[in-house]
Amino acid sequence: MKALCWEGVNELAVETVPDPVLRNDQDMLVRLIAGTTCGSDLHLIGGYIPFMRSGDVIGHEFLGEVVEVGDGVRRHAVGDRVVVSSFVGCGRCWYCAHDLWSLCDNTNTNPGIGQALFGSETAGIFGYSHAMGGLRGSHAEYVRVPFADYGAFKVPEGVDDTSALFVSDSVPTGWMGADLGGVGPGDVVAVWGCGAVGQMAARAAMLLGAERVISIDRIPERLEMTRRHIGSEVIDYTATDVGAELRERTGGRGPDVCIEAVGMEAHSDSPVHLYDQVKQQLRLQTDRPTAVRQAIHACRKGGTVFVLGVFAGAVDKFPLGAVINKGLTVRGAQQHGQRYIPMLLERLAAGELSTAHLATHTLSLDEAPRAYDMFKQKSDGCVRAVIRPGG
């Protein structure tokens, strides 16, 4: 079968790889209907996530049709249209039982790497390095889904493929930021980043009762999309002082909840961006925490900062003094998809969520390298590129 493979830093190629097979009775195989580019993948492609190997299949956000099920699969049948959580959970360990699915004890086959990097391993995730289990990714004609009864969800009739696709990762990630960030009625929420995850965090904040939501970015197409489809206020950080603007809009206090949805390659127009970029390129730090720093400084005293963006390791000049002296709560997590996906599919079916607008381009699997180049360069207004086996 065809698959999109990582061949080295900034090198992708569509190759022929062996078809997947069932490995245990809780597996199932799905035929890819659609996948999508994701900003997290850019970190892999750029070489910022360690433990990638040449030939690894990437991709983790996808929708498919069930073509084969193991004897132990009870909730799915051949022909089902399913959306699959990017993180794999066993459904049995302490973490899965407590709805902390991305921390599953049993789905990362290389736990020693995570223990060395983070102090504990994460769950396995499709197509996201051998530090995260080495699972084959979803940019392929067929995908093996382990623990299928816990990680795959039947898409309701009436929900189109493109809308359902983003419930694999972007929508639950954004919702988690607002939910675990403690957004409630009357709050003012600021979201850094107007990509798919940032837009979904903003929409979630609205649905959870926030009085005002302010989204921050620099790309005109993303700012306009957020204003038009999500309905939040927007700030172009290249045109104003974000901290001063947020204080002005909140009566001098600052947002109650600040959600960072940018990640380890954050951009900035300030001199510190060059400092961060040089240190990252020289591998003196693994991540650029520009947006995290700004969120911490902007948040009101006693407020909450939730970090949704992907970070791999160490950062420099983390403003711990601001966290302590302002009495902030700082949280972060990889997405607990299984916790949110059933509810989000219901909201999609009810018309409470809109996600199809995120797909600005559709390309075939053969064109997947070009899709990622467009996505990275943000050319032709590309916010997300949908990848389909036949185009």
Protein backbone atom coordinates (compact mmCIF):
# COMPACT_ATOMS: atom_id res chain seq x y z
CA MET A 1 0.00 0.00 0.00
CA LYS A 2 0.99 3.65 -0.34
CA ALA A 3 2.01 5.69 2.72
CA LEU A 4 3.61 9.03 3.52
CA CYS A 5 7.00 8.40 5.12
CA TRP A 6 9.52 10.54 6.99
CA GLU A 7 12.94 10.17 5.32
CA GLY A 8 14.99 12.66 7.31
CA VAL A 9 14.81 16.26 8.42
CA ASN A 10 12.44 18.13 6.07
CA GLU A 11 12.20 15.11 3.78
CA LEU A 12 8.92 13.32 3.06
CA ALA A 13 8.17 10.72 0.41
CA VAL A 14 5.20 8.59 -0.63
CA GLU A 15 6.39 5.00 -0.59
CA THR A 16 5.03 1.48 -0.88
CA VAL A 17 5.01 -0.22 2.51
CA PRO A 18 3.61 -3.58 3.69
CA ASP A 19 -0.11 -3.72 4.36
CA PRO A 20 -0.99 -3.72 8.07
CA VAL A 21 -2.31 -6.88 9.70
CA LEU A 22 -4.17 -7.63 12.91
CA ARG A 23 -1.72 -8.30 15.71
CA ASN A 24 -4.13 -9.15 18.49
CA ASP A 25 -7.83 -9.75 18.93
CA GLN A 26 -8.55 -6.13 19.98
CA ASP A 27 -7.16 -4.67 16.74
CA MET A 28 -9.09 -3.60 13.69
CA LEU A 29 -8.08 -2.37 10.26
CA VAL A 30 -9.57 0.69 8.64
CA ARG A 31 -9.38 1.95 5.08
CA LEU A 32 -8.44 5.60 5.11
CA ILE A 33 -11.23 7.96 4.07
CA ALA A 34 -9.43 11.17 5.01
CA GLY A 35 -6.55 12.44 7.09
CA THR A 36 -5.21 15.92 7.66
CA THR A 37 -2.00 17.82 8.13
CA CYS A 38 -1.33 18.98 11.68
CA GLY A 39 1.05 21.51 13.18
CA SER A 40 2.37 18.79 15.48
CA ASP A 41 3.62 16.93 12.42
CA LEU A 42 5.72 19.93 11.40
CA HIS A 43 7.78 19.43 14.56
CA LEU A 44 8.46 15.85 13.44
CA ILE A 45 9.30 16.85 9.91
CA GLY A 46 11.66 19.57 11.10
CA GLY A 47 13.58 17.16 13.32
CA TYR A 48 12.55 18.69 16.64
CA ILE A 49 10.94 15.48 17.94
CA PRO A 50 13.61 12.83 18.65
CA PHE A 51 13.57 9.12 17.85
CA MET A 52 12.21 9.28 14.32
CA ARG A 53 13.53 6.67 11.87
CA SER A 54 13.73 6.79 8.11
CA GLY A 55 10.65 5.16 6.63
CA ASP A 56 8.34 5.91 9.57
CA VAL A 57 4.77 6.56 8.41
CA ILE A 58 3.45 9.84 9.82
CA GLY A 59 -0.06 11.17 10.45
CA HIS A 60 -2.37 10.92 13.47
CA GLU A 61 -5.68 12.65 12.68
CA PHE A 62 -7.96 10.47 10.54
CA LEU A 63 -11.30 9.00 9.57
CA GLY A 64 -11.76 5.57 8.05
CA GLU A 65 -14.01 2.67 7.11
CA VAL A 66 -13.66 -0.57 9.07
CA VAL A 67 -12.50 -3.44 6.83
CA GLU A 68 -11.48 -6.11 9.38
CA VAL A 69 -11.97 -6.64 13.11
CA GLY A 70 -10.26 -8.86 15.63
CA ASP A 71 -12.20 -11.51 17.54
CA GLY A 72 -12.16 -9.37 20.69
CA VAL A 73 -13.68 -6.25 19.10
CA ARG A 74 -17.27 -5.78 20.28
CA ARG A 75 -18.27 -2.23 19.37
CA HIS A 76 -17.43 -2.12 15.67
CA ALA A 77 -18.26 -4.04 12.52
CA VAL A 78 -17.00 -4.11 8.95
CA GLY A 79 -18.41 -1.14 7.06
CA ASP A 80 -18.60 1.24 10.02
CA ARG A 81 -17.40 4.80 9.39
CA VAL A 82 -15.23 5.71 12.36
CA VAL A 83 -13.16 8.59 13.64
CA VAL A 84 -10.11 7.46 15.61
CA SER A 85 -8.48 9.22 18.55
CA SER A 86 -4.86 10.13 17.84
CA PHE A 87 -3.78 8.74 21.23
CA VAL A 88 -4.28 5.05 21.91
CA GLY A 89 -5.74 3.98 25.26
CA CYS A 90 -6.07 0.44 26.60
CA GLY A 91 -9.27 1.23 28.53
CA ARG A 92 -8.11 -0.77 31.55
CA CYS A 93 -5.20 0.94 33.30
CA TRP A 94 -5.53 3.49 36.14
CA TYR A 95 -5.08 6.43 33.77
CA CYS A 96 -7.71 5.31 31.25
CA ALA A 97 -10.10 4.58 34.12
CA HIS A 98 -9.64 8.19 35.24
CA ASP A 99 -10.18 9.66 31.74
CA LEU A 100 -6.50 10.53 31.34
CA TRP A 101 -6.20 8.64 28.09
CA SER A 102 -3.03 10.21 26.69
CA LEU A 103 -1.22 8.93 29.80
CA CYS A 104 -2.18 5.26 29.27
CA ASP A 105 0.26 2.81 30.84
CA ASN A 106 -0.09 0.06 28.25
CA THR A 107 0.03 1.43 24.69
CA ASN A 108 3.56 2.80 24.37
CA THR A 109 5.86 -0.05 23.39
CA ASN A 110 8.98 2.01 24.14
CA PRO A 111 8.33 3.24 27.70
CA GLY A 112 11.98 3.70 28.56
CA ILE A 113 12.35 6.65 26.18
CA GLY A 114 9.51 8.62 27.78
CA GLN A 115 10.73 7.76 31.24
CA ALA A 116 14.13 9.21 30.39
CA LEU A 117 12.73 12.32 28.66
CA PHE A 118 9.74 13.16 30.86
CA GLY A 119 9.97 11.01 33.99
CA SER A 120 7.12 8.78 32.74
CA GLU A 121 6.03 7.43 29.39
CA THR A 122 3.04 8.78 27.48
CA ALA A 123 0.42 6.68 25.74
CA GLY A 124 1.12 5.53 22.22
CA ILE A 125 0.15 7.89 19.40
CA PHE A 126 -0.19 7.16 15.72
CA GLY A 127 2.81 8.18 13.62
CA TYR A 128 4.61 10.23 16.24
CA SER A 129 8.10 8.86 16.77
CA HIS A 130 9.39 5.87 18.66
CA ALA A 131 9.33 7.89 21.87
CA MET A 132 5.53 7.72 21.56
CA GLY A 133 5.41 4.01 20.78
CA GLY A 134 6.55 3.80 17.17
CA LEU A 135 3.03 3.12 15.85
CA ARG A 136 2.61 3.40 12.10
CA GLY A 137 0.82 6.64 11.22
CA SER A 138 -2.43 7.33 9.44
CA HIS A 139 -1.27 8.85 6.14
CA ALA A 140 -1.61 5.47 4.48
CA GLU A 141 -4.24 3.58 2.55
CA TYR A 142 -4.91 1.28 5.52
CA VAL A 143 -4.31 1.74 9.26
CA ARG A 144 -4.17 -0.74 12.13
CA VAL A 145 -6.12 0.53 15.14
CA PRO A 146 -5.11 -1.09 18.46
CA PHE A 147 -7.66 -1.31 21.31
CA ALA A 148 -10.30 -0.40 18.75
CA ASP A 149 -13.26 -0.57 21.13
CA TYR A 150 -11.77 2.30 23.14
CA GLY A 151 -10.19 4.50 20.48
CA ALA A 152 -12.55 4.42 17.50
CA PHE A 153 -16.00 6.00 17.41
CA LYS A 154 -18.80 5.51 14.91
CA VAL A 155 -19.69 8.73 13.11
CA PRO A 156 -23.41 9.63 13.30
CA GLU A 157 -25.47 9.70 10.13
CA GLY A 158 -25.70 13.22 8.78
CA VAL A 159 -22.19 14.26 9.87
CA ASP A 160 -20.03 14.63 6.78
CA ASP A 161 -16.54 13.17 6.47
CA THR A 162 -14.67 16.46 6.61
CA SER A 163 -16.47 17.67 9.73
CA ALA A 164 -15.96 14.35 11.52
CA LEU A 165 -12.27 14.18 10.57
CA PHE A 166 -11.24 16.97 12.92
CA VAL A 167 -12.85 15.23 15.90
CA SER A 168 -9.91 12.82 15.78
CA ASP A 169 -7.56 15.36 17.37
CA SER A 170 -8.03 19.10 16.80
CA VAL A 171 -11.51 19.44 18.30
CA PRO A 172 -10.94 17.40 21.48
CA THR A 173 -7.57 19.06 21.99
CA GLY A 174 -9.11 22.51 21.83
CA TRP A 175 -12.07 21.50 23.98
CA MET A 176 -9.72 20.03 26.59
CA GLY A 177 -7.86 23.34 26.88
CA ALA A 178 -11.05 25.20 27.72
CA ASP A 179 -12.43 22.43 29.94
CA LEU A 180 -9.33 21.65 31.99
CA GLY A 181 -8.43 25.34 31.94
CA GLY A 182 -11.57 25.85 34.01
CA VAL A 183 -13.44 28.18 31.65
CA GLY A 184 -16.82 29.07 33.10
CA PRO A 185 -19.68 31.56 32.76
CA GLY A 186 -18.58 35.17 32.64
CA ASP A 187 -14.89 34.48 32.00
CA VAL A 188 -12.69 36.40 29.61
CA VAL A 189 -10.53 33.94 27.68
CA ALA A 190 -7.51 34.64 25.48
CA VAL A 191 -6.31 32.02 22.99
CA TRP A 192 -2.87 32.18 21.40
CA GLY A 193 -3.04 30.66 17.91
CA CYS A 194 -5.79 30.61 15.29
CA GLY A 195 -5.00 27.25 13.75
CA ALA A 196 -7.49 24.41 14.03
CA VAL A 197 -6.77 23.72 17.71
CA GLY A 198 -6.87 27.39 18.67
CA GLN A 199 -10.16 27.91 16.86
CA MET A 200 -11.68 24.89 18.58
CA ALA A 201 -10.43 26.09 21.98
CA ALA A 202 -12.11 29.44 21.34
CA ARG A 203 -15.38 27.81 20.30
CA ALA A 204 -15.28 25.50 23.32
CA ALA A 205 -14.77 28.47 25.62
CA MET A 206 -17.88 30.10 24.16
CA LEU A 207 -19.96 26.96 24.60
CA LEU A 208 -18.74 26.65 28.19
CA GLY A 209 -20.08 30.13 28.94
CA ALA A 210 -17.19 32.55 28.49
CA GLU A 211 -18.35 36.15 28.26
CA ARG A 212 -15.59 37.16 25.84
CA VAL A 213 -13.04 35.21 23.83
CA ILE A 214 -10.04 36.91 22.22
CA SER A 215 -7.89 35.01 19.69
CA ILE A 216 -4.31 36.02 18.82
CA ASP A 217 -2.38 35.28 15.61
CA ARG A 218 -0.60 37.02 12.74
CA ILE A 219 -1.83 35.19 9.62
CA PRO A 220 -4.63 37.22 7.95
CA GLU A 221 -6.52 34.18 6.63
CA ARG A 222 -6.57 32.52 10.04
CA LEU A 223 -7.63 35.70 11.81
CA GLU A 224 -10.47 36.21 9.34
CA MET A 225 -11.54 32.57 9.55
CA THR A 226 -11.64 32.78 13.34
CA ARG A 227 -13.65 35.98 13.27
CA ARG A 228 -16.11 34.68 10.68
CA HIS A 229 -16.60 31.05 11.69
CA ILE A 230 -15.85 31.05 15.43
CA GLY A 231 -17.08 34.53 16.29
CA SER A 232 -14.35 35.49 18.73
CA GLU A 233 -12.56 38.81 18.86
CA VAL A 234 -9.14 38.74 17.21
CA ILE A 235 -5.78 40.44 17.68
CA ASP A 236 -3.00 40.60 15.08
CA TYR A 237 0.05 40.54 17.32
CA THR A 238 2.21 42.18 14.64
CA ALA A 239 0.01 45.29 14.75
CA THR A 240 -0.16 45.95 18.49
CA ASP A 241 1.27 45.21 21.92
CA VAL A 242 -0.69 42.10 22.90
CA GLY A 243 -0.26 42.58 26.63
CA ALA A 244 -1.40 46.18 26.52
CA GLU A 245 -4.29 45.30 24.20
CA LEU A 246 -5.52 42.55 26.52
CA ARG A 247 -5.31 44.83 29.55
CA GLU A 248 -7.26 47.48 27.66
CA ARG A 249 -9.98 44.98 26.72
CA THR A 250 -10.27 43.60 30.25
CA GLY A 251 -10.37 46.79 32.30
CA GLY A 252 -6.72 46.51 33.24
CA ARG A 253 -7.02 43.08 34.87
CA GLY A 254 -6.10 40.60 32.13
CA PRO A 255 -7.88 37.45 30.91
CA ASP A 256 -9.17 34.92 33.44
CA VAL A 257 -7.96 31.98 31.35
CA CYS A 258 -5.15 32.02 28.80
CA ILE A 259 -4.86 29.08 26.39
CA GLU A 260 -1.63 28.54 24.47
CA ALA A 261 -2.31 26.67 21.20
CA VAL A 262 0.93 27.35 19.31
CA GLY A 263 3.66 25.02 20.56
CA MET A 264 7.39 24.57 20.32
CA GLU A 265 7.98 26.58 17.12
CA ALA A 266 6.16 29.73 18.20
CA HIS A 267 6.84 32.84 16.14
CA SER A 268 7.22 36.37 17.46
CA ASP A 269 8.13 39.79 16.12
CA SER A 270 10.15 40.61 19.24
CA PRO A 271 13.96 40.39 19.58
CA VAL A 272 13.62 37.43 21.95
CA HIS A 273 12.30 35.36 19.02
CA LEU A 274 15.73 35.49 17.35
CA TYR A 275 17.34 34.43 20.62
CA ASP A 276 14.96 31.46 20.93
CA GLN A 277 15.35 30.49 17.29
CA VAL A 278 19.15 30.46 17.44
CA LYS A 279 19.17 28.39 20.63
CA GLN A 280 16.70 25.93 19.13
CA GLN A 281 18.65 25.57 15.89
CA LEU A 282 21.83 24.94 17.88
CA ARG A 283 19.90 22.42 20.04
CA LEU A 284 20.71 24.42 23.17
CA GLN A 285 17.00 24.26 23.88
CA THR A 286 14.38 22.06 22.26
CA ASP A 287 11.42 24.45 22.22
CA ARG A 288 10.53 28.10 21.64
CA PRO A 289 8.14 29.10 24.46
CA THR A 290 7.32 32.56 23.12
CA ALA A 291 3.54 32.23 23.35
CA VAL A 292 3.69 30.55 26.76
CA ARG A 293 5.72 33.42 28.18
CA GLN A 294 3.30 35.95 26.76
CA ALA A 295 0.28 34.08 28.11
CA ILE A 296 1.79 33.95 31.61
CA HIS A 297 2.54 37.66 31.61
CA ALA A 298 -0.88 38.57 30.20
CA CYS A 299 -3.01 36.39 32.49
CA ARG A 300 -4.75 38.11 35.40
CA LYS A 301 -3.54 37.50 38.93
CA GLY A 302 -4.90 34.22 40.20
CA GLY A 303 -5.84 33.10 36.67
CA THR A 304 -5.11 29.94 34.73
CA VAL A 305 -2.76 29.25 31.82
CA PHE A 306 -3.34 26.05 29.87
CA VAL A 307 -0.64 24.85 27.46
CA LEU A 308 -2.08 22.94 24.49
CA GLY A 309 0.82 23.32 22.08
CA VAL A 310 3.25 20.41 21.67
CA PHE A 311 6.52 20.75 23.57
CA ALA A 312 9.26 18.14 23.58
CA GLY A 313 11.72 19.06 26.30
CA ALA A 314 13.52 22.03 27.79
CA VAL A 315 12.87 25.75 27.36
CA ASP A 316 14.87 28.81 28.38
CA LYS A 317 13.70 31.87 30.30
CA PHE A 318 10.50 30.33 31.62
CA PRO A 319 8.91 33.09 33.76
CA LEU A 320 8.53 31.08 36.95
CA GLY A 321 8.65 34.25 39.01
CA ALA A 322 5.52 35.53 37.28
CA VAL A 323 3.75 32.22 37.93
CA ILE A 324 4.52 32.36 41.65
CA ASN A 325 4.05 36.04 42.31
CA LYS A 326 0.83 36.27 40.32
CA GLY A 327 -0.58 33.12 41.89
CA LEU A 328 -1.21 31.44 38.54
CA THR A 329 -2.31 27.89 37.85
CA VAL A 330 -0.40 26.42 34.90
CA ARG A 331 -1.64 23.18 33.36
CA GLY A 332 -0.95 21.23 30.21
CA ALA A 333 -1.74 17.90 28.58
CA GLN A 334 -1.83 15.93 25.39
CA GLN A 335 -5.39 15.36 24.33
CA HIS A 336 -7.59 12.85 26.16
CA GLY A 337 -9.62 12.16 23.02
CA GLN A 338 -11.71 9.28 24.34
CA ARG A 339 -12.95 11.57 27.12
CA TYR A 340 -14.46 14.07 24.67
CA ILE A 341 -15.04 12.52 21.24
CA PRO A 342 -18.51 10.98 21.86
CA MET A 343 -19.84 14.29 23.21
CA LEU A 344 -18.23 16.24 20.37
CA LEU A 345 -19.76 14.00 17.71
CA GLU A 346 -23.15 14.66 19.30
CA ARG A 347 -22.53 18.40 19.21
CA LEU A 348 -21.51 18.18 15.55
CA ALA A 349 -24.69 16.29 14.75
CA ALA A 350 -26.72 18.92 16.65
CA GLY A 351 -25.08 21.80 14.77
CA GLU A 352 -23.39 23.28 17.85
CA LEU A 353 -19.92 22.89 16.34
CA SER A 354 -18.63 23.75 12.86
CA THR A 355 -15.37 22.21 11.69
CA ALA A 356 -15.60 21.75 7.91
CA HIS A 357 -14.33 25.29 7.30
CA LEU A 358 -10.92 24.24 8.65
CA ALA A 359 -10.26 22.22 5.48
CA THR A 360 -9.00 24.81 3.03
CA HIS A 361 -7.35 22.36 0.62
CA THR A 362 -7.82 18.72 -0.42
CA LEU A 363 -5.03 16.69 -2.01
CA SER A 364 -4.40 13.05 -2.81
CA LEU A 365 -2.06 10.83 -0.83
CA ASP A 366 0.37 11.02 -3.76
CA GLU A 367 0.46 14.80 -3.24
CA ALA A 368 0.89 14.64 0.54
CA PRO A 369 4.45 16.07 0.58
CA ARG A 370 3.15 19.14 -1.28
CA ALA A 371 0.24 19.37 1.15
CA TYR A 372 2.68 19.61 4.05
CA ASP A 373 4.81 22.17 2.24
CA MET A 374 1.75 24.37 1.62
CA PHE A 375 0.68 23.93 5.22
CA LYS A 376 4.12 24.80 6.61
CA GLN A 377 4.59 27.82 4.37
CA LYS A 378 0.92 28.87 4.86
CA SER A 379 0.81 29.43 1.11
CA ASP A 380 -2.41 29.94 -0.82
CA GLY A 381 -4.23 30.56 2.45
CA CYS A 382 -3.70 26.98 3.64
CA VAL A 383 -5.02 26.47 7.17
CA ARG A 384 -5.43 22.69 6.96
CA ALA A 385 -4.95 20.30 4.03
CA VAL A 386 -7.13 17.19 3.89
CA ILE A 387 -5.39 14.13 2.43
CA ARG A 388 -7.49 11.46 0.71
CA PRO A 389 -6.24 8.24 -0.87
CA GLY A 390 -7.80 9.04 -4.23
CA GLY A 391 -7.60 12.84 -4.14
